[in-house]
C-alpha atoms as a PDB file:
ATOM      1  CA  UNK A   1      27.744   3.865  -2.092  1.00  0.00           C
ATOM      2  CA  UNK A   2      26.592   5.063   1.329  1.00  0.00           C
ATOM      3  CA  UNK A   3      27.222   8.819   0.790  1.00  0.00           C
ATOM      4  CA  UNK A   4      25.335   8.939  -2.527  1.00  0.00           C
ATOM      5  CA  UNK A   5      22.560   6.748  -1.177  1.00  0.00           C
ATOM      6  CA  UNK A   6      22.141   8.952   1.887  1.00  0.00           C
ATOM      7  CA  UNK A   7      22.155  12.050  -0.327  1.00  0.00           C
ATOM      8  CA  UNK A   8      19.351  10.652  -2.481  1.00  0.00           C
ATOM      9  CA  UNK A   9      17.447   9.646   0.668  1.00  0.00           C
ATOM     10  CA  UNK A  10      17.692  13.197   2.011  1.00  0.00           C
ATOM     11  CA  UNK A  11      16.620  14.692  -1.315  1.00  0.00           C
ATOM     12  CA  UNK A  12      13.681  12.273  -1.480  1.00  0.00           C
ATOM     13  CA  UNK A  13      12.630  13.187   2.068  1.00  0.00           C
ATOM     14  CA  UNK A  14      12.671  16.879   1.182  1.00  0.00           C
ATOM     15  CA  UNK A  15      10.794  16.307  -2.085  1.00  0.00           C
ATOM     16  CA  UNK A  16       7.981  14.326  -0.482  1.00  0.00           C
ATOM     17  CA  UNK A  17       7.661  16.772   2.412  1.00  0.00           C
ATOM     18  CA  UNK A  18       7.510  19.546  -0.180  1.00  0.00           C
ATOM     19  CA  UNK A  19       4.777  17.656  -2.013  1.00  0.00           C
ATOM     20  CA  UNK A  20       2.817  17.369   1.244  1.00  0.00           C
ATOM     21  CA  UNK A  21       3.006  21.115   1.725  1.00  0.00           C
ATOM     22  CA  UNK A  22       2.364  21.891  -1.931  1.00  0.00           C
ATOM     23  CA  UNK A  23      -0.884  19.929  -1.946  1.00  0.00           C
ATOM     24  CA  UNK A  24      -2.215  22.249   0.756  1.00  0.00           C
ATOM     25  CA  UNK A  25      -2.377  24.952  -1.937  1.00  0.00           C
ATOM     26  CA  UNK A  26      -4.656  22.828  -4.132  1.00  0.00           C
ATOM     27  CA  UNK A  27      -8.395  22.433  -3.579  1.00  0.00           C
ATOM     28  CA  UNK A  28      -9.652  19.252  -1.934  1.00  0.00           C
ATOM     29  CA  UNK A  29     -12.745  17.536  -3.386  1.00  0.00           C
ATOM     30  CA  UNK A  30     -15.830  18.623  -1.491  1.00  0.00           C
ATOM     31  CA  UNK A  31     -16.684  15.078  -0.466  1.00  0.00           C
ATOM     32  CA  UNK A  32     -13.273  14.755   1.213  1.00  0.00           C
ATOM     33  CA  UNK A  33     -13.288  18.214   2.784  1.00  0.00           C
ATOM     34  CA  UNK A  34     -13.746  16.815   6.279  1.00  0.00           C
ATOM     35  CA  UNK A  35     -10.417  14.996   6.108  1.00  0.00           C
ATOM     36  CA  UNK A  36      -8.155  17.170   3.993  1.00  0.00           C
ATOM     37  CA  UNK A  37      -4.952  15.923   5.622  1.00  0.00           C
ATOM     38  CA  UNK A  38      -5.761  12.281   4.931  1.00  0.00           C
ATOM     39  CA  UNK A  39      -6.573  13.084   1.311  1.00  0.00           C
ATOM     40  CA  UNK A  40      -3.230  14.843   0.834  1.00  0.00           C
ATOM     41  CA  UNK A  41      -1.354  12.083   2.653  1.00  0.00           C
ATOM     42  CA  UNK A  42      -2.824   9.358   0.442  1.00  0.00           C
ATOM     43  CA  UNK A  43      -2.164  11.385  -2.717  1.00  0.00           C
ATOM     44  CA  UNK A  44       1.517  11.610  -1.777  1.00  0.00           C
ATOM     45  CA  UNK A  45       1.578   7.888  -1.021  1.00  0.00           C
ATOM     46  CA  UNK A  46       0.041   7.231  -4.428  1.00  0.00           C
ATOM     47  CA  UNK A  47       2.829   9.189  -6.137  1.00  0.00           C
ATOM     48  CA  UNK A  48       5.438   7.137  -4.270  1.00  0.00           C
ATOM     49  CA  UNK A  49       3.758   3.834  -5.118  1.00  0.00           C
ATOM     50  CA  UNK A  50       3.434   4.675  -8.811  1.00  0.00           C
ATOM     51  CA  UNK A  51       7.058   5.790  -9.021  1.00  0.00           C
ATOM     52  CA  UNK A  52       8.749   2.975  -7.113  1.00  0.00           C
ATOM     53  CA  UNK A  53       6.368   0.174  -8.092  1.00  0.00           C
ATOM     54  CA  UNK A  54       6.634   0.899 -11.802  1.00  0.00           C
ATOM     55  CA  UNK A  55      10.377   1.472 -11.426  1.00  0.00           C
ATOM     56  CA  UNK A  56      10.856  -1.889  -9.707  1.00  0.00           C
ATOM     57  CA  UNK A  57       8.828  -3.778 -12.327  1.00  0.00           C
ATOM     58  CA  UNK A  58      10.626  -2.075 -15.220  1.00  0.00           C
ATOM     59  CA  UNK A  59      14.007  -2.512 -13.556  1.00  0.00           C
ATOM     60  CA  UNK A  60      13.571  -6.222 -12.931  1.00  0.00           C
ATOM     61  CA  UNK A  61      12.357  -6.669 -16.507  1.00  0.00           C
ATOM     62  CA  UNK A  62      15.399  -4.898 -17.945  1.00  0.00           C
ATOM     63  CA  UNK A  63      17.884  -6.254 -15.406  1.00  0.00           C
ATOM     64  CA  UNK A  64      16.731  -9.713 -14.226  1.00  0.00           C
ATOM     65  CA  UNK A  65      20.170 -10.233 -12.678  1.00  0.00           C
ATOM     66  CA  UNK A  66      18.817  -8.411  -9.626  1.00  0.00           C
ATOM     67  CA  UNK A  67      16.546 -11.385  -8.925  1.00  0.00           C
ATOM     68  CA  UNK A  68      19.168 -13.951  -9.918  1.00  0.00           C
ATOM     69  CA  UNK A  69      21.739 -12.393  -7.552  1.00  0.00           C
ATOM     70  CA  UNK A  70      19.832 -10.276  -5.005  1.00  0.00           C
ATOM     71  CA  UNK A  71      22.959  -9.560  -2.968  1.00  0.00           C
ATOM     72  CA  UNK A  72      25.441  -8.231  -5.530  1.00  0.00           C
ATOM     73  CA  UNK A  73      23.668  -7.998  -8.889  1.00  0.00           C
ATOM     74  CA  UNK A  74      22.277  -4.517  -9.484  1.00  0.00           C
ATOM     75  CA  UNK A  75      22.849  -1.446 -11.659  1.00  0.00           C
ATOM     76  CA  UNK A  76      23.652   1.901  -9.974  1.00  0.00           C
ATOM     77  CA  UNK A  77      20.190   3.337 -10.578  1.00  0.00           C
ATOM     78  CA  UNK A  78      18.593   0.551  -8.506  1.00  0.00           C
ATOM     79  CA  UNK A  79      20.150   2.002  -5.359  1.00  0.00           C
ATOM     80  CA  UNK A  80      18.590   5.361  -6.228  1.00  0.00           C
ATOM     81  CA  UNK A  81      15.160   3.735  -6.407  1.00  0.00           C
ATOM     82  CA  UNK A  82      15.613   2.163  -2.971  1.00  0.00           C
ATOM     83  CA  UNK A  83      16.866   5.451  -1.493  1.00  0.00           C
ATOM     84  CA  UNK A  84      13.843   7.305  -2.900  1.00  0.00           C
ATOM     85  CA  UNK A  85      11.585   4.842  -1.135  1.00  0.00           C
ATOM     86  CA  UNK A  86      13.398   5.237   2.191  1.00  0.00           C
ATOM     87  CA  UNK A  87      13.105   9.008   1.905  1.00  0.00           C
ATOM     88  CA  UNK A  88       9.368   8.670   1.317  1.00  0.00           C
ATOM     89  CA  UNK A  89       8.791   6.446   4.367  1.00  0.00           C
ATOM     90  CA  UNK A  90      10.728   8.871   6.546  1.00  0.00           C
ATOM     91  CA  UNK A  91       8.717  11.806   5.163  1.00  0.00           C
ATOM     92  CA  UNK A  92       5.432   9.971   5.624  1.00  0.00           C
ATOM     93  CA  UNK A  93       6.358   9.071   9.186  1.00  0.00           C
ATOM     94  CA  UNK A  94       7.139  12.711   9.915  1.00  0.00           C
ATOM     95  CA  UNK A  95       3.827  13.753   8.368  1.00  0.00           C
ATOM     96  CA  UNK A  96       1.893  11.306  10.549  1.00  0.00           C
ATOM     97  CA  UNK A  97       3.679  12.435  13.712  1.00  0.00           C
ATOM     98  CA  UNK A  98       2.892  16.050  12.839  1.00  0.00           C
ATOM     99  CA  UNK A  99      -0.794  15.509  12.106  1.00  0.00           C
ATOM    100  CA  UNK A 100      -1.810  12.535  14.270  1.00  0.00           C
ATOM    101  CA  UNK A 101      -1.358  11.369  17.817  1.00  0.00           C
ATOM    102  CA  UNK A 102       0.999   8.504  18.531  1.00  0.00           C
ATOM    103  CA  UNK A 103      -1.986   6.350  19.415  1.00  0.00           C
ATOM    104  CA  UNK A 104      -3.513   6.931  16.002  1.00  0.00           C
ATOM    105  CA  UNK A 105      -0.341   6.364  13.996  1.00  0.00           C
ATOM    106  CA  UNK A 106       1.614   3.709  15.893  1.00  0.00           C
ATOM    107  CA  UNK A 107       0.691   0.790  13.614  1.00  0.00           C
ATOM    108  CA  UNK A 108       1.840   2.506  10.437  1.00  0.00           C
ATOM    109  CA  UNK A 109       4.856   3.946  12.219  1.00  0.00           C
ATOM    110  CA  UNK A 110       5.915   0.424  13.238  1.00  0.00           C
ATOM    111  CA  UNK A 111       5.462  -0.698   9.634  1.00  0.00           C
ATOM    112  CA  UNK A 112       7.536   2.224   8.366  1.00  0.00           C
ATOM    113  CA  UNK A 113      10.246   1.535  10.956  1.00  0.00           C
ATOM    114  CA  UNK A 114      10.586  -2.081   9.841  1.00  0.00           C
ATOM    115  CA  UNK A 115      10.642  -1.127   6.148  1.00  0.00           C
ATOM    116  CA  UNK A 116      13.191   1.663   6.625  1.00  0.00           C
ATOM    117  CA  UNK A 117      15.426  -0.632   8.707  1.00  0.00           C
ATOM    118  CA  UNK A 118      15.421  -3.278   5.989  1.00  0.00           C
ATOM    119  CA  UNK A 119      15.876  -0.954   3.008  1.00  0.00           C
ATOM    120  CA  UNK A 120      18.545   1.104   4.775  1.00  0.00           C
ATOM    121  CA  UNK A 121      20.731  -1.995   4.903  1.00  0.00           C
ATOM    122  CA  UNK A 122      21.012  -1.858   1.115  1.00  0.00           C
ATOM    123  CA  UNK A 123      21.815   1.862   1.118  1.00  0.00           C
ATOM    124  CA  UNK A 124      24.488   1.687   3.820  1.00  0.00           C
ATOM    125  CA  UNK A 125      26.184  -1.499   2.600  1.00  0.00           C
ATOM    126  CA  UNK A 126      25.634  -1.347  -1.147  1.00  0.00           C
ATOM    127  CA  UNK A 127      24.487  -4.978  -1.030  1.00  0.00           C
ATOM    128  CA  UNK A 128      21.022  -6.602  -1.101  1.00  0.00           C
ATOM    129  CA  UNK A 129      19.846  -3.887  -3.498  1.00  0.00           C
ATOM    130  CA  UNK A 130      18.279  -6.470  -5.806  1.00  0.00           C
ATOM    131  CA  UNK A 131      16.456  -7.989  -2.853  1.00  0.00           C
ATOM    132  CA  UNK A 132      15.174  -4.531  -1.918  1.00  0.00           C
ATOM    133  CA  UNK A 133      14.007  -3.826  -5.475  1.00  0.00           C
ATOM    134  CA  UNK A 134      11.998  -7.068  -5.462  1.00  0.00           C
ATOM    135  CA  UNK A 135      10.327  -5.853  -2.262  1.00  0.00           C
ATOM    136  CA  UNK A 136       9.307  -2.637  -4.042  1.00  0.00           C
ATOM    137  CA  UNK A 137       7.035  -4.687  -6.308  1.00  0.00           C
ATOM    138  CA  UNK A 138       4.628  -4.546  -3.369  1.00  0.00           C
ATOM    139  CA  UNK A 139       4.089  -0.883  -4.214  1.00  0.00           C
ATOM    140  CA  UNK A 140       2.146  -1.936  -7.329  1.00  0.00           C
ATOM    141  CA  UNK A 141      -0.505  -3.302  -4.989  1.00  0.00           C
ATOM    142  CA  UNK A 142      -0.188  -0.230  -2.779  1.00  0.00           C
ATOM    143  CA  UNK A 143      -1.132   1.878  -5.825  1.00  0.00           C
ATOM    144  CA  UNK A 144      -4.506   0.108  -5.959  1.00  0.00           C
ATOM    145  CA  UNK A 145      -4.895   0.356  -2.187  1.00  0.00           C
ATOM    146  CA  UNK A 146      -4.365   4.111  -2.293  1.00  0.00           C
ATOM    147  CA  UNK A 147      -6.805   4.544  -5.203  1.00  0.00           C
ATOM    148  CA  UNK A 148      -9.383   2.554  -3.243  1.00  0.00           C
ATOM    149  CA  UNK A 149      -8.925   4.806  -0.203  1.00  0.00           C
ATOM    150  CA  UNK A 150      -9.270   7.942  -2.330  1.00  0.00           C
ATOM    151  CA  UNK A 151     -12.520   6.606  -3.789  1.00  0.00           C
ATOM    152  CA  UNK A 152     -13.809   5.901  -0.285  1.00  0.00           C
ATOM    153  CA  UNK A 153     -12.877   9.393   0.877  1.00  0.00           C
ATOM    154  CA  UNK A 154     -14.605  10.941  -2.144  1.00  0.00           C
ATOM    155  CA  UNK A 155     -17.773   8.912  -1.461  1.00  0.00           C
ATOM    156  CA  UNK A 156     -17.447   6.931  -4.701  1.00  0.00           C
ATOM    157  CA  UNK A 157     -18.406   3.604  -3.144  1.00  0.00           C
ATOM    158  CA  UNK A 158     -20.339   1.723  -4.337  1.00  0.00           C
ATOM    159  CA  UNK A 159     -19.620   2.504  -7.984  1.00  0.00           C
ATOM    160  CA  UNK A 160     -18.167   0.829 -11.051  1.00  0.00           C
ATOM    161  CA  UNK A 161     -14.843   2.540 -10.480  1.00  0.00           C
ATOM    162  CA  UNK A 162     -14.747   1.309  -6.896  1.00  0.00           C
ATOM    163  CA  UNK A 163     -15.645  -2.258  -7.910  1.00  0.00           C
ATOM    164  CA  UNK A 164     -12.922  -2.340 -10.560  1.00  0.00           C
ATOM    165  CA  UNK A 165     -10.416  -0.907  -8.081  1.00  0.00           C
ATOM    166  CA  UNK A 166     -11.386  -3.453  -5.420  1.00  0.00           C
ATOM    167  CA  UNK A 167     -10.877  -6.392  -7.780  1.00  0.00           C
ATOM    168  CA  UNK A 168      -7.597  -4.874  -9.034  1.00  0.00           C
ATOM    169  CA  UNK A 169      -6.507  -4.500  -5.414  1.00  0.00           C
ATOM    170  CA  UNK A 170      -7.163  -8.174  -4.682  1.00  0.00           C
ATOM    171  CA  UNK A 171      -5.489  -9.311  -7.908  1.00  0.00           C
ATOM    172  CA  UNK A 172      -2.357  -7.221  -7.388  1.00  0.00           C
ATOM    173  CA  UNK A 173      -2.269  -8.231  -3.726  1.00  0.00           C
ATOM    174  CA  UNK A 174      -1.866 -11.850  -4.798  1.00  0.00           C
ATOM    175  CA  UNK A 175       0.463 -11.186  -7.752  1.00  0.00           C
ATOM    176  CA  UNK A 176       2.638  -8.311  -6.569  1.00  0.00           C
ATOM    177  CA  UNK A 177       2.479  -8.672  -2.800  1.00  0.00           C
ATOM    178  CA  UNK A 178       2.063 -12.297  -1.718  1.00  0.00           C
ATOM    179  CA  UNK A 179       4.143 -13.782  -4.556  1.00  0.00           C
ATOM    180  CA  UNK A 180       7.166 -11.483  -3.981  1.00  0.00           C
ATOM    181  CA  UNK A 181       6.890 -11.992  -0.209  1.00  0.00           C
ATOM    182  CA  UNK A 182       6.850 -15.767  -0.727  1.00  0.00           C
ATOM    183  CA  UNK A 183       9.846 -15.597  -3.087  1.00  0.00           C
ATOM    184  CA  UNK A 184      11.801 -13.413  -0.672  1.00  0.00           C
ATOM    185  CA  UNK A 185      11.021 -15.699   2.273  1.00  0.00           C
ATOM    186  CA  UNK A 186      12.069 -18.789   0.331  1.00  0.00           C
ATOM    187  CA  UNK A 187      15.287 -17.104  -0.833  1.00  0.00           C
ATOM    188  CA  UNK A 188      16.149 -16.013   2.707  1.00  0.00           C
ATOM    189  CA  UNK A 189      15.611 -19.542   4.026  1.00  0.00           C
ATOM    190  CA  UNK A 190      17.718 -21.123   1.291  1.00  0.00           C
ATOM    191  CA  UNK A 191      20.525 -18.558   1.419  1.00  0.00           C
ATOM    192  CA  UNK A 192      20.638 -17.935   5.166  1.00  0.00           C
ATOM    193  CA  UNK A 193      24.219 -19.265   5.283  1.00  0.00           C
ATOM    194  CA  UNK A 194      25.323 -16.373   3.015  1.00  0.00           C
ATOM    195  CA  UNK A 195      23.583 -13.692   5.065  1.00  0.00           C
ATOM    196  CA  UNK A 196      24.706 -12.430   8.499  1.00  0.00           C
ATOM    197  CA  UNK A 197      22.442 -13.696  11.258  1.00  0.00           C
ATOM    198  CA  UNK A 198      21.459 -10.145  12.230  1.00  0.00           C
ATOM    199  CA  UNK A 199      20.188  -9.498   8.704  1.00  0.00           C
ATOM    200  CA  UNK A 200      18.376 -12.840   8.633  1.00  0.00           C
ATOM    201  CA  UNK A 201      16.537 -11.849  11.815  1.00  0.00           C
ATOM    202  CA  UNK A 202      15.845  -8.340  10.517  1.00  0.00           C
ATOM    203  CA  UNK A 203      14.685  -9.565   7.113  1.00  0.00           C
ATOM    204  CA  UNK A 204      12.638 -12.380   8.621  1.00  0.00           C
ATOM    205  CA  UNK A 205      10.935  -9.994  11.026  1.00  0.00           C
ATOM    206  CA  UNK A 206      10.103  -7.633   8.185  1.00  0.00           C
ATOM    207  CA  UNK A 207       8.725 -10.403   5.972  1.00  0.00           C
ATOM    208  CA  UNK A 208       6.575 -11.853   8.742  1.00  0.00           C
ATOM    209  CA  UNK A 209       5.259  -8.409   9.705  1.00  0.00           C
ATOM    210  CA  UNK A 210       4.424  -7.320   6.163  1.00  0.00           C
ATOM    211  CA  UNK A 211       3.136 -10.772   5.231  1.00  0.00           C
ATOM    212  CA  UNK A 212       0.730 -10.947   8.170  1.00  0.00           C
ATOM    213  CA  UNK A 213      -0.464  -7.407   7.486  1.00  0.00           C
ATOM    214  CA  UNK A 214      -0.982  -8.192   3.794  1.00  0.00           C
ATOM    215  CA  UNK A 215      -3.046 -11.317   4.452  1.00  0.00           C
ATOM    216  CA  UNK A 216      -5.179  -9.509   7.030  1.00  0.00           C
ATOM    217  CA  UNK A 217      -5.682  -6.609   4.630  1.00  0.00           C
ATOM    218  CA  UNK A 218      -6.671  -8.921   1.793  1.00  0.00           C
ATOM    219  CA  UNK A 219      -9.237 -10.729   3.925  1.00  0.00           C
ATOM    220  CA  UNK A 220     -10.756  -7.437   5.086  1.00  0.00           C
ATOM    221  CA  UNK A 221     -11.100  -6.121   1.536  1.00  0.00           C
ATOM    222  CA  UNK A 222     -12.523  -9.418   0.314  1.00  0.00           C
ATOM    223  CA  UNK A 223     -15.142  -9.380   3.054  1.00  0.00           C
ATOM    224  CA  UNK A 224     -16.064  -5.680   2.879  1.00  0.00           C
ATOM    225  CA  UNK A 225     -15.923  -5.130  -0.895  1.00  0.00           C
ATOM    226  CA  UNK A 226     -16.934  -8.496  -2.313  1.00  0.00           C
ATOM    227  CA  UNK A 227     -18.698 -10.811   0.119  1.00  0.00           C
ATOM    228  CA  UNK A 228     -20.737  -8.179   1.968  1.00  0.00           C
ATOM    229  CA  UNK A 229     -21.705  -6.407  -1.251  1.00  0.00           C
ATOM    230  CA  UNK A 230     -23.133  -9.485  -2.971  1.00  0.00           C
ATOM    231  CA  UNK A 231     -26.789  -9.236  -4.000  1.00  0.00           C
ATOM    232  CA  UNK A 232     -29.139 -10.427  -1.292  1.00  0.00           C
ATOM    233  CA  UNK A 233     -32.793 -11.376  -1.567  1.00  0.00           C
ATOM    234  CA  UNK A 234     -35.265  -8.811  -0.229  1.00  0.00           C
ATOM    235  CA  UNK A 235     -36.407  -9.239   3.338  1.00  0.00           C
ATOM    236  CA  UNK A 236     -40.204  -9.221   3.606  1.00  0.00           C
ATOM    237  CA  UNK A 237     -41.736  -6.878   6.129  1.00  0.00           C
ATOM    238  CA  UNK A 238     -45.121  -6.959   7.792  1.00  0.00           C
ATOM    239  CA  UNK A 239     -45.912  -3.467   6.590  1.00  0.00           C
ATOM    240  CA  UNK A 240     -45.481  -2.400   3.004  1.00  0.00           C
ATOM    241  CA  UNK A 241     -46.572   0.682   1.218  1.00  0.00           C
ATOM    242  CA  UNK A 242     -47.920   0.443  -2.288  1.00  0.00           C
ATOM    243  CA  UNK A 243     -44.701   1.387  -4.035  1.00  0.00           C
ATOM    244  CA  UNK A 244     -42.015   0.583  -1.534  1.00  0.00           C
ATOM    245  CA  UNK A 245     -41.076  -1.689   1.297  1.00  0.00           C
ATOM    246  CA  UNK A 246     -38.579  -1.163   4.082  1.00  0.00           C
ATOM    247  CA  UNK A 247     -35.497  -3.287   4.595  1.00  0.00           C
ATOM    248  CA  UNK A 248     -33.951  -4.177   7.933  1.00  0.00           C
ATOM    249  CA  UNK A 249     -31.822  -1.001   7.893  1.00  0.00           C
ATOM    250  CA  UNK A 250     -34.873   1.180   7.593  1.00  0.00           C
ATOM    251  CA  UNK A 251     -34.004   2.267   4.041  1.00  0.00           C
ATOM    252  CA  UNK A 252     -36.751   2.275   1.412  1.00  0.00           C
ATOM    253  CA  UNK A 253     -36.347  -0.260  -1.380  1.00  0.00           C
ATOM    254  CA  UNK A 254     -38.531  -0.143  -4.451  1.00  0.00           C
ATOM    255  CA  UNK A 255     -40.456  -3.215  -5.529  1.00  0.00           C
ATOM    256  CA  UNK A 256     -38.377  -3.499  -8.672  1.00  0.00           C
ATOM    257  CA  UNK A 257     -35.119  -3.753  -6.701  1.00  0.00           C
ATOM    258  CA  UNK A 258     -34.102  -7.269  -5.752  1.00  0.00           C
ATOM    259  CA  UNK A 259     -30.738  -6.433  -4.182  1.00  0.00           C
ATOM    260  CA  UNK A 260     -29.443  -4.416  -1.291  1.00  0.00           C
ATOM    261  CA  UNK A 261     -26.139  -2.585  -1.313  1.00  0.00           C
ATOM    262  CA  UNK A 262     -24.053  -2.645   1.821  1.00  0.00           C
ATOM    263  CA  UNK A 263     -21.581   0.143   2.471  1.00  0.00           C
ATOM    264  CA  UNK A 264     -18.511   0.224   4.664  1.00  0.00           C
END
């Protein structure tokens, strides 16, 4: 399976790099004009997340054998889905290296390196494809994360759309990120005698890295989007005009408003 998997990976790399370049021909929303590259980069990431996340969920629904036997049980198309994802991460890494300094991109590059190392095992060996497809469920949460970033770039926060996206992000983080990571960790612990020690170390490192990042990300979103944006009572000031008073940030607040909105 290695030659076909590598071929799909190469085609995926070329397709996502082409999408990066193609988006340069399209107009960028005025509110995101100051960071056109980031807007294009997140749009490409959104396409990848929608494609692989939905594909993983549909695939596991139609072929649950992939979860029952993550090492050997998979249909041929599942390998294609994994190879598409590897091609994307390679293309995204190349895009970051081209447009950012190493100091700016090193965290995501390390993440991509770990993910590519783990998923490439399935492509090169033809095994653990089901395990890899389960890991692609995380992309369902990434879809919400990318939408949230696009709303932030387009200055749509705070708004109803942003609030809905934030709650969807937290919900999918628990359901499609933490639950699959927990299942994968438990499976690896229980089946470690069937897996080569090198792959146990590689898989364990990847799970710990992505798990820690996911928990940190969830806490940050919870604090910034939910806890810090809760309604707060007005803060009285010594000086008030007839129609307005001034809050601690120096922003005017009308007498009828009883809440303050905090922005990231």
